[in-house]
Amino acid sequence: MDRADRCRTQADECHRLLLLARSGAEATILTSLMRSWKMIANQTDRYVAIMKKEAAQRTRASANPSRAERTGEATH
């Protein structure tokens, strides 16, 4: 289970508890927690996507060196 899935599991647990809330204050807190866990999960997904994209770009860049790097020409 990845980190975003763990956050979504926490959000699901908050939702489950929300259905059992005995007061408005408890429901408010659980709703806030549930939303926060969902936001963290979504931010984690975005972060992972960015890291994967950057890793792929680095891999492509190292697989396709520039002409100067291939010929040993100075870049300064």
PDB file of N, CA and C in Angstrom:
ATOM      1  N   MET A   1       0.852  -1.177   0.000  1.00  0.00           N
ATOM      2  CA  MET A   1       0.000   0.000   0.000  1.00  0.00           C
ATOM      3  C   MET A   1       0.896   1.238   0.000  1.00  0.00           C
ATOM      4  N   ASP A   2       0.632   2.138  -0.948  1.00  0.00           N
ATOM      5  CA  ASP A   2       1.457   3.340  -0.988  1.00  0.00           C
ATOM      6  C   ASP A   2       0.950   4.377   0.016  1.00  0.00           C
ATOM      7  N   ARG A   3       1.698   5.427   0.147  1.00  0.00           N
ATOM      8  CA  ARG A   3       1.383   6.440   1.168  1.00  0.00           C
ATOM      9  C   ARG A   3       0.043   7.119   0.927  1.00  0.00           C
ATOM     10  N   ALA A   4      -0.283   7.406  -0.329  1.00  0.00           N
ATOM     11  CA  ALA A   4      -1.568   8.042  -0.623  1.00  0.00           C
ATOM     12  C   ALA A   4      -2.716   7.110  -0.244  1.00  0.00           C
ATOM     13  N   ASP A   5      -2.552   5.821  -0.489  1.00  0.00           N
ATOM     14  CA  ASP A   5      -3.594   4.864  -0.108  1.00  0.00           C
ATOM     15  C   ASP A   5      -3.774   4.820   1.406  1.00  0.00           C
ATOM     16  N   ARG A   6      -2.681   4.937   2.130  1.00  0.00           N
ATOM     17  CA  ARG A   6      -2.787   4.964   3.596  1.00  0.00           C
ATOM     18  C   ARG A   6      -3.570   6.190   4.062  1.00  0.00           C
ATOM     19  N   CYS A   7      -3.346   7.316   3.401  1.00  0.00           N
ATOM     20  CA  CYS A   7      -4.091   8.532   3.742  1.00  0.00           C
ATOM     21  C   CYS A   7      -5.570   8.341   3.441  1.00  0.00           C
ATOM     22  N   ARG A   8      -5.868   7.700   2.325  1.00  0.00           N
ATOM     23  CA  ARG A   8      -7.274   7.462   1.978  1.00  0.00           C
ATOM     24  C   ARG A   8      -7.918   6.489   2.961  1.00  0.00           C
ATOM     25  N   THR A   9      -7.156   5.539   3.451  1.00  0.00           N
ATOM     26  CA  THR A   9      -7.672   4.624   4.472  1.00  0.00           C
ATOM     27  C   THR A   9      -8.017   5.400   5.739  1.00  0.00           C
ATOM     28  N   GLN A  10      -7.166   6.335   6.106  1.00  0.00           N
ATOM     29  CA  GLN A  10      -7.443   7.176   7.273  1.00  0.00           C
ATOM     30  C   GLN A  10      -8.710   8.016   7.034  1.00  0.00           C
ATOM     31  N   ALA A  11      -8.855   8.548   5.836  1.00  0.00           N
ATOM     32  CA  ALA A  11     -10.051   9.326   5.509  1.00  0.00           C
ATOM     33  C   ALA A  11     -11.297   8.450   5.613  1.00  0.00           C
ATOM     34  N   ASP A  12     -11.195   7.222   5.133  1.00  0.00           N
ATOM     35  CA  ASP A  12     -12.324   6.291   5.226  1.00  0.00           C
ATOM     36  C   ASP A  12     -12.678   6.001   6.679  1.00  0.00           C
ATOM     37  N   GLU A  13     -11.673   5.873   7.516  1.00  0.00           N
ATOM     38  CA  GLU A  13     -11.920   5.622   8.938  1.00  0.00           C
ATOM     39  C   GLU A  13     -12.604   6.832   9.579  1.00  0.00           C
ATOM     40  N   CYS A  14     -12.184   8.027   9.216  1.00  0.00           N
ATOM     41  CA  CYS A  14     -12.845   9.234   9.733  1.00  0.00           C
ATOM     42  C   CYS A  14     -14.302   9.267   9.289  1.00  0.00           C
ATOM     43  N   HIS A  15     -14.556   8.868   8.054  1.00  0.00           N
ATOM     44  CA  HIS A  15     -15.930   8.835   7.560  1.00  0.00           C
ATOM     45  C   HIS A  15     -16.765   7.821   8.341  1.00  0.00           C
ATOM     46  N   ARG A  16     -16.192   6.669   8.593  1.00  0.00           N
ATOM     47  CA  ARG A  16     -16.889   5.642   9.362  1.00  0.00           C
ATOM     48  C   ARG A  16     -17.243   6.174  10.750  1.00  0.00           C
ATOM     49  N   LEU A  17     -16.277   6.834  11.380  1.00  0.00           N
ATOM     50  CA  LEU A  17     -16.520   7.399  12.705  1.00  0.00           C
ATOM     51  C   LEU A  17     -17.517   8.554  12.651  1.00  0.00           C
ATOM     52  N   LEU A  18     -17.490   9.311  11.567  1.00  0.00           N
ATOM     53  CA  LEU A  18     -18.426  10.415  11.398  1.00  0.00           C
ATOM     54  C   LEU A  18     -19.866   9.910  11.447  1.00  0.00           C
ATOM     55  N   LEU A  19     -20.103   8.768  10.853  1.00  0.00           N
ATOM     56  CA  LEU A  19     -21.447   8.198  10.849  1.00  0.00           C
ATOM     57  C   LEU A  19     -21.906   7.802  12.253  1.00  0.00           C
ATOM     58  N   LEU A  20     -20.953   7.652  13.156  1.00  0.00           N
ATOM     59  CA  LEU A  20     -21.267   7.280  14.537  1.00  0.00           C
ATOM     60  C   LEU A  20     -21.171   8.460  15.504  1.00  0.00           C
ATOM     61  N   ALA A  21     -20.872   9.641  14.975  1.00  0.00           N
ATOM     62  CA  ALA A  21     -20.662  10.822  15.823  1.00  0.00           C
ATOM     63  C   ALA A  21     -21.871  11.074  16.713  1.00  0.00           C
ATOM     64  N   ARG A  22     -21.576  11.446  17.949  1.00  0.00           N
ATOM     65  CA  ARG A  22     -22.639  11.682  18.931  1.00  0.00           C
ATOM     66  C   ARG A  22     -22.935  13.159  19.146  1.00  0.00           C
ATOM     67  N   SER A  23     -22.147  14.005  18.526  1.00  0.00           N
ATOM     68  CA  SER A  23     -22.382  15.443  18.684  1.00  0.00           C
ATOM     69  C   SER A  23     -21.977  16.167  17.411  1.00  0.00           C
ATOM     70  N   GLY A  24     -22.468  17.380  17.307  1.00  0.00           N
ATOM     71  CA  GLY A  24     -22.098  18.204  16.168  1.00  0.00           C
ATOM     72  C   GLY A  24     -20.610  18.537  16.159  1.00  0.00           C
ATOM     73  N   ALA A  25     -20.057  18.753  17.352  1.00  0.00           N
ATOM     74  CA  ALA A  25     -18.629  19.072  17.454  1.00  0.00           C
ATOM     75  C   ALA A  25     -17.781  17.897  16.975  1.00  0.00           C
ATOM     76  N   GLU A  26     -18.160  16.707  17.392  1.00  0.00           N
ATOM     77  CA  GLU A  26     -17.432  15.506  16.968  1.00  0.00           C
ATOM     78  C   GLU A  26     -17.539  15.340  15.447  1.00  0.00           C
ATOM     79  N   ALA A  27     -18.718  15.554  14.912  1.00  0.00           N
ATOM     80  CA  ALA A  27     -18.919  15.436  13.467  1.00  0.00           C
ATOM     81  C   ALA A  27     -18.086  16.465  12.707  1.00  0.00           C
ATOM     82  N   THR A  28     -18.030  17.669  13.242  1.00  0.00           N
ATOM     83  CA  THR A  28     -17.243  18.734  12.601  1.00  0.00           C
ATOM     84  C   THR A  28     -15.767  18.375  12.557  1.00  0.00           C
ATOM     85  N   ILE A  29     -15.250  17.892  13.669  1.00  0.00           N
ATOM     86  CA  ILE A  29     -13.832  17.519  13.737  1.00  0.00           C
ATOM     87  C   ILE A  29     -13.535  16.368  12.783  1.00  0.00           C
ATOM     88  N   LEU A  30     -14.384  15.360  12.782  1.00  0.00           N
ATOM     89  CA  LEU A  30     -14.161  14.203  11.905  1.00  0.00           C
ATOM     90  C   LEU A  30     -14.281  14.582  10.434  1.00  0.00           C
ATOM     91  N   THR A  31     -15.182  15.485  10.118  1.00  0.00           N
ATOM     92  CA  THR A  31     -15.304  15.968   8.732  1.00  0.00           C
ATOM     93  C   THR A  31     -14.028  16.694   8.319  1.00  0.00           C
ATOM     94  N   SER A  32     -13.517  17.524   9.204  1.00  0.00           N
ATOM     95  CA  SER A  32     -12.281  18.252   8.920  1.00  0.00           C
ATOM     96  C   SER A  32     -11.106  17.291   8.737  1.00  0.00           C
ATOM     97  N   LEU A  33     -11.010  16.317   9.617  1.00  0.00           N
ATOM     98  CA  LEU A  33      -9.932  15.324   9.504  1.00  0.00           C
ATOM     99  C   LEU A  33     -10.046  14.532   8.201  1.00  0.00           C
ATOM    100  N   MET A  34     -11.266  14.129   7.870  1.00  0.00           N
ATOM    101  CA  MET A  34     -11.478  13.367   6.645  1.00  0.00           C
ATOM    102  C   MET A  34     -11.029  14.172   5.421  1.00  0.00           C
ATOM    103  N   ARG A  35     -11.428  15.430   5.369  1.00  0.00           N
ATOM    104  CA  ARG A  35     -11.029  16.289   4.245  1.00  0.00           C
ATOM    105  C   ARG A  35      -9.518  16.477   4.197  1.00  0.00           C
ATOM    106  N   SER A  36      -8.918  16.647   5.355  1.00  0.00           N
ATOM    107  CA  SER A  36      -7.457  16.824   5.412  1.00  0.00           C
ATOM    108  C   SER A  36      -6.739  15.591   4.889  1.00  0.00           C
ATOM    109  N   TRP A  37      -7.175  14.411   5.320  1.00  0.00           N
ATOM    110  CA  TRP A  37      -6.552  13.170   4.834  1.00  0.00           C
ATOM    111  C   TRP A  37      -6.696  13.042   3.316  1.00  0.00           C
ATOM    112  N   LYS A  38      -7.853  13.418   2.789  1.00  0.00           N
ATOM    113  CA  LYS A  38      -8.052  13.353   1.334  1.00  0.00           C
ATOM    114  C   LYS A  38      -7.134  14.326   0.612  1.00  0.00           C
ATOM    115  N   MET A  39      -6.982  15.535   1.166  1.00  0.00           N
ATOM    116  CA  MET A  39      -6.085  16.522   0.547  1.00  0.00           C
ATOM    117  C   MET A  39      -4.639  16.027   0.567  1.00  0.00           C
ATOM    118  N   ILE A  40      -4.228  15.446   1.677  1.00  0.00           N
ATOM    119  CA  ILE A  40      -2.861  14.925   1.769  1.00  0.00           C
ATOM    120  C   ILE A  40      -2.657  13.804   0.757  1.00  0.00           C
ATOM    121  N   ALA A  41      -3.650  12.928   0.620  1.00  0.00           N
ATOM    122  CA  ALA A  41      -3.552  11.840  -0.363  1.00  0.00           C
ATOM    123  C   ALA A  41      -3.398  12.408  -1.772  1.00  0.00           C
ATOM    124  N   ASN A  42      -4.201  13.406  -2.098  1.00  0.00           N
ATOM    125  CA  ASN A  42      -4.116  14.007  -3.434  1.00  0.00           C
ATOM    126  C   ASN A  42      -2.785  14.709  -3.655  1.00  0.00           C
ATOM    127  N   GLN A  43      -2.290  15.400  -2.650  1.00  0.00           N
ATOM    128  CA  GLN A  43      -0.984  16.061  -2.766  1.00  0.00           C
ATOM    129  C   GLN A  43       0.125  15.026  -2.913  1.00  0.00           C
ATOM    130  N   THR A  44       0.006  13.921  -2.212  1.00  0.00           N
ATOM    131  CA  THR A  44       0.990  12.844  -2.328  1.00  0.00           C
ATOM    132  C   THR A  44       0.987  12.277  -3.743  1.00  0.00           C
ATOM    133  N   ASP A  45      -0.196  12.064  -4.299  1.00  0.00           N
ATOM    134  CA  ASP A  45      -0.280  11.583  -5.687  1.00  0.00           C
ATOM    135  C   ASP A  45       0.402  12.547  -6.645  1.00  0.00           C
ATOM    136  N   ARG A  46       0.143  13.845  -6.459  1.00  0.00           N
ATOM    137  CA  ARG A  46       0.779  14.842  -7.339  1.00  0.00           C
ATOM    138  C   ARG A  46       2.294  14.829  -7.184  1.00  0.00           C
ATOM    139  N   TYR A  47       2.770  14.727  -5.958  1.00  0.00           N
ATOM    140  CA  TYR A  47       4.214  14.699  -5.697  1.00  0.00           C
ATOM    141  C   TYR A  47       4.853  13.488  -6.375  1.00  0.00           C
ATOM    142  N   VAL A  48       4.235  12.333  -6.212  1.00  0.00           N
ATOM    143  CA  VAL A  48       4.770  11.111  -6.828  1.00  0.00           C
ATOM    144  C   VAL A  48       4.805  11.247  -8.343  1.00  0.00           C
ATOM    145  N   ALA A  49       3.755  11.817  -8.929  1.00  0.00           N
ATOM    146  CA  ALA A  49       3.721  12.012 -10.375  1.00  0.00           C
ATOM    147  C   ALA A  49       4.849  12.931 -10.834  1.00  0.00           C
ATOM    148  N   ILE A  50       5.095  14.009 -10.097  1.00  0.00           N
ATOM    149  CA  ILE A  50       6.181  14.929 -10.440  1.00  0.00           C
ATOM    150  C   ILE A  50       7.534  14.222 -10.348  1.00  0.00           C
ATOM    151  N   MET A  51       7.735  13.467  -9.288  1.00  0.00           N
ATOM    152  CA  MET A  51       9.010  12.767  -9.118  1.00  0.00           C
ATOM    153  C   MET A  51       9.235  11.741 -10.230  1.00  0.00           C
ATOM    154  N   LYS A  52       8.188  11.029 -10.621  1.00  0.00           N
ATOM    155  CA  LYS A  52       8.311  10.052 -11.708  1.00  0.00           C
ATOM    156  C   LYS A  52       8.637  10.745 -13.022  1.00  0.00           C
ATOM    157  N   LYS A  53       7.972  11.880 -13.277  1.00  0.00           N
ATOM    158  CA  LYS A  53       8.224  12.619 -14.510  1.00  0.00           C
ATOM    159  C   LYS A  53       9.666  13.113 -14.549  1.00  0.00           C
ATOM    160  N   GLU A  54      10.128  13.667 -13.435  1.00  0.00           N
ATOM    161  CA  GLU A  54      11.503  14.167 -13.394  1.00  0.00           C
ATOM    162  C   GLU A  54      12.508  13.034 -13.532  1.00  0.00           C
ATOM    163  N   ALA A  55      12.238  11.891 -12.937  1.00  0.00           N
ATOM    164  CA  ALA A  55      13.140  10.739 -13.068  1.00  0.00           C
ATOM    165  C   ALA A  55      13.196  10.276 -14.516  1.00  0.00           C
ATOM    166  N   ALA A  56      12.050  10.263 -15.190  1.00  0.00           N
ATOM    167  CA  ALA A  56      12.019   9.862 -16.597  1.00  0.00           C
ATOM    168  C   ALA A  56      12.799  10.840 -17.454  1.00  0.00           C
ATOM    169  N   GLN A  57      12.678  12.133 -17.149  1.00  0.00           N
ATOM    170  CA  GLN A  57      13.425  13.141 -17.898  1.00  0.00           C
ATOM    171  C   GLN A  57      14.925  12.978 -17.688  1.00  0.00           C
ATOM    172  N   ARG A  58      15.330  12.696 -16.453  1.00  0.00           N
ATOM    173  CA  ARG A  58      16.757  12.477 -16.179  1.00  0.00           C
ATOM    174  C   ARG A  58      17.263  11.239 -16.913  1.00  0.00           C
ATOM    175  N   THR A  59      16.437  10.196 -16.946  1.00  0.00           N
ATOM    176  CA  THR A  59      16.829   8.970 -17.628  1.00  0.00           C
ATOM    177  C   THR A  59      16.996   9.226 -19.121  1.00  0.00           C
ATOM    178  N   ARG A  60      16.035   9.955 -19.707  1.00  0.00           N
ATOM    179  CA  ARG A  60      16.141  10.280 -21.136  1.00  0.00           C
ATOM    180  C   ARG A  60      17.362  11.147 -21.404  1.00  0.00           C
ATOM    181  N   ALA A  61      17.621  12.107 -20.529  1.00  0.00           N
ATOM    182  CA  ALA A  61      18.756  13.007 -20.721  1.00  0.00           C
ATOM    183  C   ALA A  61      20.071  12.242 -20.648  1.00  0.00           C
ATOM    184  N   SER A  62      20.160  11.289 -19.736  1.00  0.00           N
ATOM    185  CA  SER A  62      21.412  10.526 -19.627  1.00  0.00           C
ATOM    186  C   SER A  62      21.540   9.514 -20.758  1.00  0.00           C
ATOM    187  N   ALA A  63      20.432   9.079 -21.345  1.00  0.00           N
ATOM    188  CA  ALA A  63      20.473   8.144 -22.469  1.00  0.00           C
ATOM    189  C   ALA A  63      20.764   8.864 -23.779  1.00  0.00           C
ATOM    190  N   ASN A  64      20.499  10.172 -23.826  1.00  0.00           N
ATOM    191  CA  ASN A  64      20.707  10.975 -25.035  1.00  0.00           C
ATOM    192  C   ASN A  64      21.585  12.175 -24.714  1.00  0.00           C
ATOM    193  N   PRO A  65      22.883  11.951 -24.516  1.00  0.00           N
ATOM    194  CA  PRO A  65      23.760  13.080 -24.170  1.00  0.00           C
ATOM    195  C   PRO A  65      23.825  14.090 -25.315  1.00  0.00           C
ATOM    196  N   SER A  66      24.125  15.321 -24.951  1.00  0.00           N
ATOM    197  CA  SER A  66      24.223  16.380 -25.953  1.00  0.00           C
ATOM    198  C   SER A  66      25.413  16.123 -26.869  1.00  0.00           C
ATOM    199  N   ARG A  67      25.442  16.806 -28.007  1.00  0.00           N
ATOM    200  CA  ARG A  67      26.535  16.656 -28.970  1.00  0.00           C
ATOM    201  C   ARG A  67      27.873  16.959 -28.301  1.00  0.00           C
ATOM    202  N   ALA A  68      27.905  18.025 -27.492  1.00  0.00           N
ATOM    203  CA  ALA A  68      29.147  18.405 -26.817  1.00  0.00           C
ATOM    204  C   ALA A  68      29.612  17.297 -25.884  1.00  0.00           C
ATOM    205  N   GLU A  69      28.690  16.679 -25.192  1.00  0.00           N
ATOM    206  CA  GLU A  69      29.067  15.586 -24.288  1.00  0.00           C
ATOM    207  C   GLU A  69      29.551  14.367 -25.072  1.00  0.00           C
ATOM    208  N   ARG A  70      28.939  14.106 -26.242  1.00  0.00           N
ATOM    209  CA  ARG A  70      29.336  12.944 -27.040  1.00  0.00           C
ATOM    210  C   ARG A  70      30.722  13.132 -27.655  1.00  0.00           C
ATOM    211  N   THR A  71      31.027  14.354 -28.055  1.00  0.00           N
ATOM    212  CA  THR A  71      32.299  14.616 -28.740  1.00  0.00           C
ATOM    213  C   THR A  71      33.397  15.071 -27.792  1.00  0.00           C
ATOM    214  N   GLY A  72      33.027  15.328 -26.558  1.00  0.00           N
ATOM    215  CA  GLY A  72      34.022  15.780 -25.580  1.00  0.00           C
ATOM    216  C   GLY A  72      34.348  17.246 -25.697  1.00  0.00           C
ATOM    217  N   GLU A  73      33.522  18.004 -26.408  1.00  0.00           N
ATOM    218  CA  GLU A  73      33.761  19.445 -26.558  1.00  0.00           C
ATOM    219  C   GLU A  73      33.503  20.149 -25.227  1.00  0.00           C
ATOM    220  N   ALA A  74      34.227  21.190 -24.995  1.00  0.00           N
ATOM    221  CA  ALA A  74      34.047  21.989 -23.788  1.00  0.00           C
ATOM    222  C   ALA A  74      32.723  22.732 -23.868  1.00  0.00           C
ATOM    223  N   THR A  75      32.064  22.860 -22.718  1.00  0.00           N
ATOM    224  CA  THR A  75      30.781  23.549 -22.693  1.00  0.00           C
ATOM    225  C   THR A  75      30.918  24.954 -22.145  1.00  0.00           C
ATOM    226  N   HIS A  76      32.111  25.409 -21.828  1.00  0.00           N
ATOM    227  CA  HIS A  76      32.309  26.749 -21.236  1.00  0.00           C
ATOM    228  C   HIS A  76      32.626  27.728 -22.301  1.00  0.00           C
TER     229      HIS A  76
END
